[in-house]
Amino acid sequence: MRRNLMKINKNIENKYVYYSSALPKGIKGLMLKLYAKGMSWIYKPVLNIIRPHQNSTEEKKYDVVVGAIFKNEAKYLKEWIEFNRIVGVQHFYMYNNFSDDNYMEVLGPYIQEGIVDLIDWPVKQGQISAYKDCYDKHRKDAKWIGFIDIDEYIVPNKMESIYDFLKLFEKNRAAVIINWRIFGTSGHIEENMNETMVERYTVCWDKYCSIGKCFYNTKYDIDKDYKNNTGFHHTGWGKLKNMNLPPVNVFDKVSIFQMNYIKTNELPIQINHYFTKSFDEYVEKRAKGDVYYEVNPHDEEYFYAHEMRCRAVDYSAYKYLIKLKRKMGNI
């Protein structure tokens, strides 16, 4: 049999995903994989047995809400809100992190309609603290809370809405990871706000990313000081009583570290991560500062490494494009 010219580097990828960070080489990497698989087997029956108290099933105002932090991203806010509303997000808790653009002009109508709550959050590198604040204050409002960025669009592939998907996990899962489909520039140098993100950027990585964003079942607590919750918007653990419980992936496989055992490239739901947009926008984003990093590590070398994985095309969000254009006033 002829050897595959695109041989898989098992430290950075498997057949269906790229790991978000490279695994250790040799025996250390193998031991990490075995440990993750063993812990997954242990935790699965635990998740099936342990369930929230019955009094945690009280009616809540929303099924699915999103918390987000933004900094000078006014030009992207309307499309981001409208798209994620189309797929079933009912409310947005928006944390403003030192913006000085026209964000109020964009968000004002949504605030008046009761779709957006705006919170000023003048905290340097305040992303994680904003998300913690959001969960503590607003878990009572909704059955599920997710934390996504302004360049992330939720795309159900097998169902019509995100809640149609999440309600399958409502009985006894604390958190669900929805994987990233990461998009590049699609060859665009300059910004063009006359087109939607969805139609402008279609070239993406040829595999999913091993991580994405977590949606939390608000029947469960979150121990935000737990060692596995430093990036709890990505791979966070829930908590019931005194036990921390790992997230599952979209196939209900327990996810330990970034080992979440995807065995197909057909996911029922994904998050389209429009990470770079055009090259000019990537440069602009890096220059303006970040809500997470004190010094943004995403330099030109990182940009090209990211682009080199863009070997596929994904039109999954196109099924919502006409609805989106009508909401945006383009039709």
C-alpha atoms as a PDB file:
ATOM      1  CA  MET A   1       0.000   0.000   0.000  1.00  0.00           C
ATOM      2  CA  ARG A   2       1.346   3.441  -0.905  1.00  0.00           C
ATOM      3  CA  ARG A   3       2.157   5.593   2.137  1.00  0.00           C
ATOM      4  CA  ASN A   4      -0.026   8.640   2.643  1.00  0.00           C
ATOM      5  CA  LEU A   5       1.917  11.715   1.513  1.00  0.00           C
ATOM      6  CA  MET A   6      -0.053  13.793   4.052  1.00  0.00           C
ATOM      7  CA  LYS A   7       1.137  11.708   6.993  1.00  0.00           C
ATOM      8  CA  ILE A   8      -0.494  12.646  10.285  1.00  0.00           C
ATOM      9  CA  ASN A   9       1.719  14.142  12.976  1.00  0.00           C
ATOM     10  CA  LYS A  10       0.131  12.469  16.015  1.00  0.00           C
ATOM     11  CA  ASN A  11       1.427  15.160  18.368  1.00  0.00           C
ATOM     12  CA  ILE A  12      -0.582  17.941  16.702  1.00  0.00           C
ATOM     13  CA  GLU A  13      -3.529  16.194  15.038  1.00  0.00           C
ATOM     14  CA  ASN A  14      -5.507  13.054  14.520  1.00  0.00           C
ATOM     15  CA  LYS A  15      -7.684  12.043  11.591  1.00  0.00           C
ATOM     16  CA  TYR A  16     -10.456  14.535  12.390  1.00  0.00           C
ATOM     17  CA  VAL A  17      -9.056  17.338  14.587  1.00  0.00           C
ATOM     18  CA  TYR A  18      -6.053  19.563  15.126  1.00  0.00           C
ATOM     19  CA  TYR A  19      -5.066  19.750  18.788  1.00  0.00           C
ATOM     20  CA  SER A  20      -5.219  23.251  20.210  1.00  0.00           C
ATOM     21  CA  SER A  21      -1.729  22.717  21.626  1.00  0.00           C
ATOM     22  CA  ALA A  22       0.826  20.083  20.690  1.00  0.00           C
ATOM     23  CA  LEU A  23       0.939  16.944  22.795  1.00  0.00           C
ATOM     24  CA  PRO A  24       4.225  15.882  24.417  1.00  0.00           C
ATOM     25  CA  LYS A  25       6.302  13.624  22.199  1.00  0.00           C
ATOM     26  CA  GLY A  26       7.059   9.987  22.861  1.00  0.00           C
ATOM     27  CA  ILE A  27       6.012   8.154  25.987  1.00  0.00           C
ATOM     28  CA  LYS A  28       4.695  11.316  27.698  1.00  0.00           C
ATOM     29  CA  GLY A  29       2.211  11.948  24.918  1.00  0.00           C
ATOM     30  CA  LEU A  30       1.091   8.316  24.920  1.00  0.00           C
ATOM     31  CA  MET A  31       0.638   8.339  28.694  1.00  0.00           C
ATOM     32  CA  LEU A  32      -1.415  11.541  28.468  1.00  0.00           C
ATOM     33  CA  LYS A  33      -3.736   9.955  25.907  1.00  0.00           C
ATOM     34  CA  LEU A  34      -4.127   6.801  27.999  1.00  0.00           C
ATOM     35  CA  TYR A  35      -4.804   8.833  31.137  1.00  0.00           C
ATOM     36  CA  ALA A  36      -7.449  10.917  29.369  1.00  0.00           C
ATOM     37  CA  LYS A  37      -9.166   7.818  27.964  1.00  0.00           C
ATOM     38  CA  GLY A  38      -9.115   6.074  31.341  1.00  0.00           C
ATOM     39  CA  MET A  39     -10.582   9.104  33.132  1.00  0.00           C
ATOM     40  CA  SER A  40     -13.270   9.359  30.447  1.00  0.00           C
ATOM     41  CA  TRP A  41     -14.355   5.777  31.140  1.00  0.00           C
ATOM     42  CA  ILE A  42     -14.463   6.487  34.868  1.00  0.00           C
ATOM     43  CA  TYR A  43     -16.459   9.696  34.608  1.00  0.00           C
ATOM     44  CA  LYS A  44     -19.121   8.558  32.127  1.00  0.00           C
ATOM     45  CA  PRO A  45     -21.081   6.354  34.570  1.00  0.00           C
ATOM     46  CA  VAL A  46     -20.664   9.052  37.218  1.00  0.00           C
ATOM     47  CA  LEU A  47     -22.327  11.597  34.921  1.00  0.00           C
ATOM     48  CA  ASN A  48     -25.156   9.155  34.241  1.00  0.00           C
ATOM     49  CA  ILE A  49     -25.823   8.577  37.940  1.00  0.00           C
ATOM     50  CA  ILE A  50     -25.387  12.025  39.484  1.00  0.00           C
ATOM     51  CA  ARG A  51     -28.204  14.418  38.659  1.00  0.00           C
ATOM     52  CA  PRO A  52     -29.217  17.860  39.929  1.00  0.00           C
ATOM     53  CA  HIS A  53     -31.908  18.184  42.574  1.00  0.00           C
ATOM     54  CA  GLN A  54     -35.468  18.275  41.338  1.00  0.00           C
ATOM     55  CA  ASN A  55     -35.910  21.846  42.598  1.00  0.00           C
ATOM     56  CA  SER A  56     -33.341  22.953  40.016  1.00  0.00           C
ATOM     57  CA  THR A  57     -35.915  22.450  37.252  1.00  0.00           C
ATOM     58  CA  GLU A  58     -37.787  25.707  37.894  1.00  0.00           C
ATOM     59  CA  GLU A  59     -38.915  27.639  34.859  1.00  0.00           C
ATOM     60  CA  LYS A  60     -36.351  30.083  33.502  1.00  0.00           C
ATOM     61  CA  LYS A  61     -36.897  33.036  31.219  1.00  0.00           C
ATOM     62  CA  TYR A  62     -34.619  31.815  28.418  1.00  0.00           C
ATOM     63  CA  ASP A  63     -33.454  28.510  27.007  1.00  0.00           C
ATOM     64  CA  VAL A  64     -30.062  29.721  25.744  1.00  0.00           C
ATOM     65  CA  VAL A  65     -28.159  32.932  26.409  1.00  0.00           C
ATOM     66  CA  VAL A  66     -24.656  34.108  25.590  1.00  0.00           C
ATOM     67  CA  GLY A  67     -22.124  36.145  27.518  1.00  0.00           C
ATOM     68  CA  ALA A  68     -19.527  38.067  25.492  1.00  0.00           C
ATOM     69  CA  ILE A  69     -16.850  40.675  26.081  1.00  0.00           C
ATOM     70  CA  PHE A  70     -15.899  43.147  23.353  1.00  0.00           C
ATOM     71  CA  LYS A  71     -13.391  45.907  22.717  1.00  0.00           C
ATOM     72  CA  ASN A  72     -13.875  48.267  19.755  1.00  0.00           C
ATOM     73  CA  GLU A  73     -15.814  45.781  17.653  1.00  0.00           C
ATOM     74  CA  ALA A  74     -18.889  47.880  16.888  1.00  0.00           C
ATOM     75  CA  LYS A  75     -18.736  47.193  13.148  1.00  0.00           C
ATOM     76  CA  TYR A  76     -19.181  43.456  13.757  1.00  0.00           C
ATOM     77  CA  LEU A  77     -21.807  43.500  16.506  1.00  0.00           C
ATOM     78  CA  LYS A  78     -25.024  43.711  14.491  1.00  0.00           C
ATOM     79  CA  GLU A  79     -24.251  40.756  12.222  1.00  0.00           C
ATOM     80  CA  TRP A  80     -22.990  38.678  15.146  1.00  0.00           C
ATOM     81  CA  ILE A  81     -26.125  39.322  17.192  1.00  0.00           C
ATOM     82  CA  GLU A  82     -28.503  38.723  14.288  1.00  0.00           C
ATOM     83  CA  PHE A  83     -26.858  35.497  13.170  1.00  0.00           C
ATOM     84  CA  ASN A  84     -26.766  33.980  16.638  1.00  0.00           C
ATOM     85  CA  ARG A  85     -30.376  35.047  17.222  1.00  0.00           C
ATOM     86  CA  ILE A  86     -31.370  33.201  14.044  1.00  0.00           C
ATOM     87  CA  VAL A  87     -29.915  29.947  15.420  1.00  0.00           C
ATOM     88  CA  GLY A  88     -31.654  30.284  18.770  1.00  0.00           C
ATOM     89  CA  VAL A  89     -29.704  32.503  21.179  1.00  0.00           C
ATOM     90  CA  GLN A  90     -32.397  34.491  22.967  1.00  0.00           C
ATOM     91  CA  HIS A  91     -30.428  37.007  25.012  1.00  0.00           C
ATOM     92  CA  PHE A  92     -26.942  38.534  25.163  1.00  0.00           C
ATOM     93  CA  TYR A  93     -24.978  39.827  28.159  1.00  0.00           C
ATOM     94  CA  MET A  94     -22.458  42.187  26.571  1.00  0.00           C
ATOM     95  CA  TYR A  95     -19.423  43.289  28.574  1.00  0.00           C
ATOM     96  CA  ASN A  96     -17.773  46.438  27.228  1.00  0.00           C
ATOM     97  CA  ASN A  97     -14.016  46.415  27.775  1.00  0.00           C
ATOM     98  CA  PHE A  98     -12.671  49.964  27.168  1.00  0.00           C
ATOM     99  CA  SER A  99     -14.402  50.495  23.809  1.00  0.00           C
ATOM    100  CA  ASP A 100     -14.317  54.005  22.348  1.00  0.00           C
ATOM    101  CA  ASP A 101     -16.041  53.333  19.021  1.00  0.00           C
ATOM    102  CA  ASN A 102     -19.764  53.660  18.210  1.00  0.00           C
ATOM    103  CA  TYR A 103     -20.855  50.472  20.000  1.00  0.00           C
ATOM    104  CA  MET A 104     -23.791  52.249  21.691  1.00  0.00           C
ATOM    105  CA  GLU A 105     -25.198  53.254  18.320  1.00  0.00           C
ATOM    106  CA  VAL A 106     -25.297  49.579  17.356  1.00  0.00           C
ATOM    107  CA  LEU A 107     -26.404  48.101  20.665  1.00  0.00           C
ATOM    108  CA  GLY A 108     -28.931  50.772  21.617  1.00  0.00           C
ATOM    109  CA  PRO A 109     -31.913  49.280  19.724  1.00  0.00           C
ATOM    110  CA  TYR A 110     -31.177  45.803  21.117  1.00  0.00           C
ATOM    111  CA  ILE A 111     -30.987  47.186  24.640  1.00  0.00           C
ATOM    112  CA  GLN A 112     -34.339  48.933  24.182  1.00  0.00           C
ATOM    113  CA  GLU A 113     -35.896  45.696  22.874  1.00  0.00           C
ATOM    114  CA  GLY A 114     -34.596  43.767  25.879  1.00  0.00           C
ATOM    115  CA  ILE A 115     -32.357  41.540  23.738  1.00  0.00           C
ATOM    116  CA  VAL A 116     -29.055  42.854  25.133  1.00  0.00           C
ATOM    117  CA  ASP A 117     -27.902  43.705  28.639  1.00  0.00           C
ATOM    118  CA  LEU A 118     -24.863  46.006  28.492  1.00  0.00           C
ATOM    119  CA  ILE A 119     -22.325  45.906  31.309  1.00  0.00           C
ATOM    120  CA  ASP A 120     -19.272  48.186  31.468  1.00  0.00           C
ATOM    121  CA  TRP A 121     -16.263  46.115  32.439  1.00  0.00           C
ATOM    122  CA  PRO A 122     -13.168  48.360  32.736  1.00  0.00           C
ATOM    123  CA  VAL A 123     -10.841  45.524  33.738  1.00  0.00           C
ATOM    124  CA  LYS A 124      -7.573  44.936  31.907  1.00  0.00           C
ATOM    125  CA  GLN A 125      -7.486  41.460  30.364  1.00  0.00           C
ATOM    126  CA  GLY A 126     -10.963  41.126  31.838  1.00  0.00           C
ATOM    127  CA  GLN A 127     -12.342  38.278  29.760  1.00  0.00           C
ATOM    128  CA  ILE A 128     -12.355  35.506  32.351  1.00  0.00           C
ATOM    129  CA  SER A 129     -13.509  37.740  35.194  1.00  0.00           C
ATOM    130  CA  ALA A 130     -16.381  38.995  33.003  1.00  0.00           C
ATOM    131  CA  TYR A 131     -17.487  35.444  32.243  1.00  0.00           C
ATOM    132  CA  LYS A 132     -17.371  34.519  35.916  1.00  0.00           C
ATOM    133  CA  ASP A 133     -19.486  37.557  36.737  1.00  0.00           C
ATOM    134  CA  CYS A 134     -21.953  36.647  34.004  1.00  0.00           C
ATOM    135  CA  TYR A 135     -22.457  33.082  35.226  1.00  0.00           C
ATOM    136  CA  ASP A 136     -22.835  34.107  38.860  1.00  0.00           C
ATOM    137  CA  LYS A 137     -25.401  36.813  38.122  1.00  0.00           C
ATOM    138  CA  HIS A 138     -27.372  35.361  35.225  1.00  0.00           C
ATOM    139  CA  ARG A 139     -27.468  31.572  35.559  1.00  0.00           C
ATOM    140  CA  LYS A 140     -30.918  32.028  37.108  1.00  0.00           C
ATOM    141  CA  ASP A 141     -32.142  33.573  33.853  1.00  0.00           C
ATOM    142  CA  ALA A 142     -31.515  30.686  31.466  1.00  0.00           C
ATOM    143  CA  LYS A 143     -31.207  26.929  31.148  1.00  0.00           C
ATOM    144  CA  TRP A 144     -27.897  27.230  29.267  1.00  0.00           C
ATOM    145  CA  ILE A 145     -25.173  29.891  29.191  1.00  0.00           C
ATOM    146  CA  GLY A 146     -22.331  29.932  26.671  1.00  0.00           C
ATOM    147  CA  PHE A 147     -19.398  32.303  26.359  1.00  0.00           C
ATOM    148  CA  ILE A 148     -18.405  33.141  22.809  1.00  0.00           C
ATOM    149  CA  ASP A 149     -16.470  35.909  21.100  1.00  0.00           C
ATOM    150  CA  ILE A 150     -17.666  38.397  18.510  1.00  0.00           C
ATOM    151  CA  ASP A 151     -15.948  36.402  15.752  1.00  0.00           C
ATOM    152  CA  GLU A 152     -17.786  33.171  16.630  1.00  0.00           C
ATOM    153  CA  TYR A 153     -21.023  32.055  15.006  1.00  0.00           C
ATOM    154  CA  ILE A 154     -22.995  29.022  16.229  1.00  0.00           C
ATOM    155  CA  VAL A 155     -23.958  26.757  13.302  1.00  0.00           C
ATOM    156  CA  PRO A 156     -26.292  23.786  13.874  1.00  0.00           C
ATOM    157  CA  ASN A 157     -25.742  21.188  11.166  1.00  0.00           C
ATOM    158  CA  LYS A 158     -28.367  18.573  12.013  1.00  0.00           C
ATOM    159  CA  MET A 159     -30.987  20.624  13.858  1.00  0.00           C
ATOM    160  CA  GLU A 160     -32.635  24.008  13.452  1.00  0.00           C
ATOM    161  CA  SER A 161     -31.538  25.650  16.696  1.00  0.00           C
ATOM    162  CA  ILE A 162     -28.893  25.381  19.359  1.00  0.00           C
ATOM    163  CA  TYR A 163     -31.479  24.545  22.004  1.00  0.00           C
ATOM    164  CA  ASP A 164     -32.756  21.613  19.953  1.00  0.00           C
ATOM    165  CA  PHE A 165     -29.227  20.268  20.404  1.00  0.00           C
ATOM    166  CA  LEU A 166     -28.519  21.275  24.008  1.00  0.00           C
ATOM    167  CA  LYS A 167     -31.772  19.965  25.449  1.00  0.00           C
ATOM    168  CA  LEU A 168     -30.559  16.443  24.661  1.00  0.00           C
ATOM    169  CA  PHE A 169     -27.959  16.959  27.416  1.00  0.00           C
ATOM    170  CA  GLU A 170     -30.155  18.768  29.935  1.00  0.00           C
ATOM    171  CA  LYS A 171     -30.899  15.888  32.305  1.00  0.00           C
ATOM    172  CA  ASN A 172     -27.387  15.036  33.489  1.00  0.00           C
ATOM    173  CA  ARG A 173     -24.602  16.854  31.680  1.00  0.00           C
ATOM    174  CA  ALA A 174     -22.960  19.894  33.252  1.00  0.00           C
ATOM    175  CA  ALA A 175     -21.292  21.324  30.152  1.00  0.00           C
ATOM    176  CA  VAL A 176     -21.042  20.645  26.423  1.00  0.00           C
ATOM    177  CA  ILE A 177     -18.112  21.620  24.220  1.00  0.00           C
ATOM    178  CA  ILE A 178     -19.000  22.726  20.689  1.00  0.00           C
ATOM    179  CA  ASN A 179     -15.931  22.475  18.479  1.00  0.00           C
ATOM    180  CA  TRP A 180     -14.475  25.263  16.415  1.00  0.00           C
ATOM    181  CA  ARG A 181     -14.431  25.235  12.626  1.00  0.00           C
ATOM    182  CA  ILE A 182     -11.672  27.786  12.094  1.00  0.00           C
ATOM    183  CA  PHE A 183     -11.767  30.059   9.049  1.00  0.00           C
ATOM    184  CA  GLY A 184      -8.955  32.054   7.460  1.00  0.00           C
ATOM    185  CA  THR A 185      -8.824  35.030   5.121  1.00  0.00           C
ATOM    186  CA  SER A 186     -10.213  33.262   2.029  1.00  0.00           C
ATOM    187  CA  GLY A 187      -7.503  35.260   0.240  1.00  0.00           C
ATOM    188  CA  HIS A 188      -8.826  38.700   1.232  1.00  0.00           C
ATOM    189  CA  ILE A 189      -6.313  41.428   2.048  1.00  0.00           C
ATOM    190  CA  GLU A 190      -8.719  44.300   2.694  1.00  0.00           C
ATOM    191  CA  GLU A 191     -11.829  44.661   4.801  1.00  0.00           C
ATOM    192  CA  ASN A 192     -15.188  44.758   3.019  1.00  0.00           C
ATOM    193  CA  MET A 193     -18.169  45.507   5.247  1.00  0.00           C
ATOM    194  CA  ASN A 194     -20.570  45.365   2.291  1.00  0.00           C
ATOM    195  CA  GLU A 195     -20.559  41.570   2.537  1.00  0.00           C
ATOM    196  CA  THR A 196     -21.526  39.441   5.506  1.00  0.00           C
ATOM    197  CA  MET A 197     -18.915  37.417   7.342  1.00  0.00           C
ATOM    198  CA  VAL A 198     -20.756  34.268   6.316  1.00  0.00           C
ATOM    199  CA  GLU A 199     -20.470  34.843   2.567  1.00  0.00           C
ATOM    200  CA  ARG A 200     -17.026  36.454   2.568  1.00  0.00           C
ATOM    201  CA  TYR A 201     -15.143  33.781   4.508  1.00  0.00           C
ATOM    202  CA  THR A 202     -15.696  30.190   3.438  1.00  0.00           C
ATOM    203  CA  VAL A 203     -12.180  28.702   3.289  1.00  0.00           C
ATOM    204  CA  CYS A 204     -11.361  26.938   6.539  1.00  0.00           C
ATOM    205  CA  TRP A 205      -9.150  24.379   8.228  1.00  0.00           C
ATOM    206  CA  ASP A 206      -9.518  20.914   6.770  1.00  0.00           C
ATOM    207  CA  LYS A 207     -10.134  19.506  10.265  1.00  0.00           C
ATOM    208  CA  TYR A 208     -11.993  20.736  13.308  1.00  0.00           C
ATOM    209  CA  CYS A 209     -10.123  22.177  16.266  1.00  0.00           C
ATOM    210  CA  SER A 210     -10.004  19.882  19.307  1.00  0.00           C
ATOM    211  CA  ILE A 211     -11.514  22.620  21.463  1.00  0.00           C
ATOM    212  CA  GLY A 212     -14.169  25.263  20.951  1.00  0.00           C
ATOM    213  CA  LYS A 213     -16.533  26.869  23.418  1.00  0.00           C
ATOM    214  CA  CYS A 214     -18.480  25.473  26.366  1.00  0.00           C
ATOM    215  CA  PHE A 215     -22.171  25.838  27.019  1.00  0.00           C
ATOM    216  CA  TYR A 216     -23.100  25.349  30.661  1.00  0.00           C
ATOM    217  CA  ASN A 217     -26.175  23.693  32.076  1.00  0.00           C
ATOM    218  CA  THR A 218     -27.173  26.170  34.772  1.00  0.00           C
ATOM    219  CA  LYS A 219     -28.559  23.436  37.042  1.00  0.00           C
ATOM    220  CA  TYR A 220     -24.901  22.908  37.931  1.00  0.00           C
ATOM    221  CA  ASP A 221     -22.453  25.130  39.752  1.00  0.00           C
ATOM    222  CA  ILE A 222     -19.002  26.078  38.467  1.00  0.00           C
ATOM    223  CA  ASP A 223     -15.965  25.983  40.738  1.00  0.00           C
ATOM    224  CA  LYS A 224     -14.138  28.796  38.991  1.00  0.00           C
ATOM    225  CA  ASP A 225     -11.001  28.205  41.086  1.00  0.00           C
ATOM    226  CA  TYR A 226     -10.768  24.547  40.083  1.00  0.00           C
ATOM    227  CA  LYS A 227      -7.479  23.778  38.319  1.00  0.00           C
ATOM    228  CA  ASN A 228      -9.192  22.607  35.114  1.00  0.00           C
ATOM    229  CA  ASN A 229     -11.250  25.798  34.847  1.00  0.00           C
ATOM    230  CA  THR A 230      -8.537  28.354  34.107  1.00  0.00           C
ATOM    231  CA  GLY A 231      -9.981  28.595  30.592  1.00  0.00           C
ATOM    232  CA  PHE A 232     -13.481  27.536  31.550  1.00  0.00           C
ATOM    233  CA  HIS A 233     -15.077  29.157  28.481  1.00  0.00           C
ATOM    234  CA  HIS A 234     -13.209  26.555  26.387  1.00  0.00           C
ATOM    235  CA  THR A 235     -13.199  23.300  28.332  1.00  0.00           C
ATOM    236  CA  GLY A 236     -14.870  24.028  31.647  1.00  0.00           C
ATOM    237  CA  TRP A 237     -16.031  21.615  34.295  1.00  0.00           C
ATOM    238  CA  GLY A 238     -19.314  21.899  36.137  1.00  0.00           C
ATOM    239  CA  LYS A 239     -19.879  21.053  39.786  1.00  0.00           C
ATOM    240  CA  LEU A 240     -22.616  19.281  41.722  1.00  0.00           C
ATOM    241  CA  LYS A 241     -22.378  19.134  45.482  1.00  0.00           C
ATOM    242  CA  ASN A 242     -18.654  18.593  46.105  1.00  0.00           C
ATOM    243  CA  MET A 243     -17.803  16.899  42.819  1.00  0.00           C
ATOM    244  CA  ASN A 244     -16.320  18.587  39.743  1.00  0.00           C
ATOM    245  CA  LEU A 245     -17.701  17.059  36.558  1.00  0.00           C
ATOM    246  CA  PRO A 246     -16.035  17.162  33.127  1.00  0.00           C
ATOM    247  CA  PRO A 247     -17.683  18.452  29.962  1.00  0.00           C
ATOM    248  CA  VAL A 248     -18.763  16.213  27.122  1.00  0.00           C
ATOM    249  CA  ASN A 249     -18.340  16.823  23.425  1.00  0.00           C
ATOM    250  CA  VAL A 250     -21.096  16.962  20.808  1.00  0.00           C
ATOM    251  CA  PHE A 251     -21.183  13.134  20.694  1.00  0.00           C
ATOM    252  CA  ASP A 252     -21.560  12.855  24.486  1.00  0.00           C
ATOM    253  CA  LYS A 253     -17.978  11.651  24.907  1.00  0.00           C
ATOM    254  CA  VAL A 254     -16.329  12.824  28.113  1.00  0.00           C
ATOM    255  CA  SER A 255     -13.641  15.377  27.319  1.00  0.00           C
ATOM    256  CA  ILE A 256     -10.483  15.292  29.430  1.00  0.00           C
ATOM    257  CA  PHE A 257      -7.936  17.917  28.400  1.00  0.00           C
ATOM    258  CA  GLN A 258      -8.470  18.214  24.643  1.00  0.00           C
ATOM    259  CA  MET A 259      -8.995  14.475  24.148  1.00  0.00           C
ATOM    260  CA  ASN A 260     -12.643  14.392  23.131  1.00  0.00           C
ATOM    261  CA  TYR A 261     -12.720  11.434  20.762  1.00  0.00           C
ATOM    262  CA  ILE A 262     -14.343  12.708  17.619  1.00  0.00           C
ATOM    263  CA  LYS A 263     -14.620   9.838  15.137  1.00  0.00           C
ATOM    264  CA  THR A 264     -16.159  11.622  12.176  1.00  0.00           C
ATOM    265  CA  ASN A 265     -15.932  14.922  10.342  1.00  0.00           C
ATOM    266  CA  GLU A 266     -19.733  15.295  10.377  1.00  0.00           C
ATOM    267  CA  LEU A 267     -20.561  17.162  13.580  1.00  0.00           C
ATOM    268  CA  PRO A 268     -24.190  17.925  14.508  1.00  0.00           C
ATOM    269  CA  ILE A 269     -23.225  21.485  15.460  1.00  0.00           C
ATOM    270  CA  GLN A 270     -20.126  23.662  15.236  1.00  0.00           C
ATOM    271  CA  ILE A 271     -18.887  27.138  16.016  1.00  0.00           C
ATOM    272  CA  ASN A 272     -17.587  28.998  12.981  1.00  0.00           C
ATOM    273  CA  HIS A 273     -14.576  30.892  14.277  1.00  0.00           C
ATOM    274  CA  TYR A 274     -13.766  33.764  11.907  1.00  0.00           C
ATOM    275  CA  PHE A 275     -10.423  34.234  13.563  1.00  0.00           C
ATOM    276  CA  THR A 276      -8.470  36.315  11.053  1.00  0.00           C
ATOM    277  CA  LYS A 277     -11.048  37.781   8.699  1.00  0.00           C
ATOM    278  CA  SER A 278      -9.012  39.746   6.119  1.00  0.00           C
ATOM    279  CA  PHE A 279      -5.270  40.260   6.575  1.00  0.00           C
ATOM    280  CA  ASP A 280      -5.787  43.969   7.296  1.00  0.00           C
ATOM    281  CA  GLU A 281      -8.355  43.163   9.971  1.00  0.00           C
ATOM    282  CA  TYR A 282      -5.998  40.655  11.556  1.00  0.00           C
ATOM    283  CA  VAL A 283      -3.294  43.328  11.775  1.00  0.00           C
ATOM    284  CA  GLU A 284      -5.801  45.837  13.155  1.00  0.00           C
ATOM    285  CA  LYS A 285      -7.052  43.375  15.767  1.00  0.00           C
ATOM    286  CA  ARG A 286      -3.562  42.651  17.028  1.00  0.00           C
ATOM    287  CA  ALA A 287      -2.683  46.368  17.245  1.00  0.00           C
ATOM    288  CA  LYS A 288      -5.719  47.431  19.284  1.00  0.00           C
ATOM    289  CA  GLY A 289      -5.036  45.138  22.240  1.00  0.00           C
ATOM    290  CA  ASP A 290      -6.862  42.163  23.635  1.00  0.00           C
ATOM    291  CA  VAL A 291      -9.437  41.295  26.311  1.00  0.00           C
ATOM    292  CA  TYR A 292      -7.404  38.225  27.334  1.00  0.00           C
ATOM    293  CA  TYR A 293      -3.695  38.679  26.551  1.00  0.00           C
ATOM    294  CA  GLU A 294      -1.599  41.514  27.941  1.00  0.00           C
ATOM    295  CA  VAL A 295       0.689  41.085  24.914  1.00  0.00           C
ATOM    296  CA  ASN A 296      -1.122  39.504  21.985  1.00  0.00           C
ATOM    297  CA  PRO A 297       1.002  36.554  20.754  1.00  0.00           C
ATOM    298  CA  HIS A 298      -0.736  36.330  17.389  1.00  0.00           C
ATOM    299  CA  ASP A 299       2.041  37.688  15.187  1.00  0.00           C
ATOM    300  CA  GLU A 300       2.652  37.298  11.460  1.00  0.00           C
ATOM    301  CA  GLU A 301       4.278  33.900  11.886  1.00  0.00           C
ATOM    302  CA  TYR A 302       1.197  32.710  13.763  1.00  0.00           C
ATOM    303  CA  PHE A 303      -0.997  34.128  10.999  1.00  0.00           C
ATOM    304  CA  TYR A 304       0.735  32.144   8.247  1.00  0.00           C
ATOM    305  CA  ALA A 305       0.791  28.944  10.291  1.00  0.00           C
ATOM    306  CA  HIS A 306      -2.965  29.396  10.688  1.00  0.00           C
ATOM    307  CA  GLU A 307      -3.498  30.027   6.965  1.00  0.00           C
ATOM    308  CA  MET A 308      -1.547  26.898   5.965  1.00  0.00           C
ATOM    309  CA  ARG A 309      -4.280  24.711   7.454  1.00  0.00           C
ATOM    310  CA  CYS A 310      -6.994  26.401   5.368  1.00  0.00           C
ATOM    311  CA  ARG A 311      -7.439  23.619   2.818  1.00  0.00           C
ATOM    312  CA  ALA A 312     -11.222  23.127   2.866  1.00  0.00           C
ATOM    313  CA  VAL A 313     -14.414  25.034   2.119  1.00  0.00           C
ATOM    314  CA  ASP A 314     -17.428  25.135   4.425  1.00  0.00           C
ATOM    315  CA  TYR A 315     -20.793  26.573   3.380  1.00  0.00           C
ATOM    316  CA  SER A 316     -22.736  25.238   6.368  1.00  0.00           C
ATOM    317  CA  ALA A 317     -23.756  28.742   7.491  1.00  0.00           C
ATOM    318  CA  TYR A 318     -25.161  29.588   4.037  1.00  0.00           C
ATOM    319  CA  LYS A 319     -28.519  28.042   4.882  1.00  0.00           C
ATOM    320  CA  TYR A 320     -29.065  31.038   7.173  1.00  0.00           C
ATOM    321  CA  LEU A 321     -27.740  33.640   4.739  1.00  0.00           C
ATOM    322  CA  ILE A 322     -31.026  34.954   3.335  1.00  0.00           C
ATOM    323  CA  LYS A 323     -32.488  35.330   6.825  1.00  0.00           C
ATOM    324  CA  LEU A 324     -29.300  37.110   7.893  1.00  0.00           C
ATOM    325  CA  LYS A 325     -29.304  39.496   4.932  1.00  0.00           C
ATOM    326  CA  ARG A 326     -32.916  40.394   5.580  1.00  0.00           C
ATOM    327  CA  LYS A 327     -32.123  41.119   9.227  1.00  0.00           C
ATOM    328  CA  MET A 328     -29.142  43.197   8.156  1.00  0.00           C
ATOM    329  CA  GLY A 329     -31.273  45.181   5.726  1.00  0.00           C
ATOM    330  CA  ASN A 330     -29.395  43.929   2.666  1.00  0.00           C
ATOM    331  CA  ILE A 331     -32.579  42.717   0.959  1.00  0.00           C
END
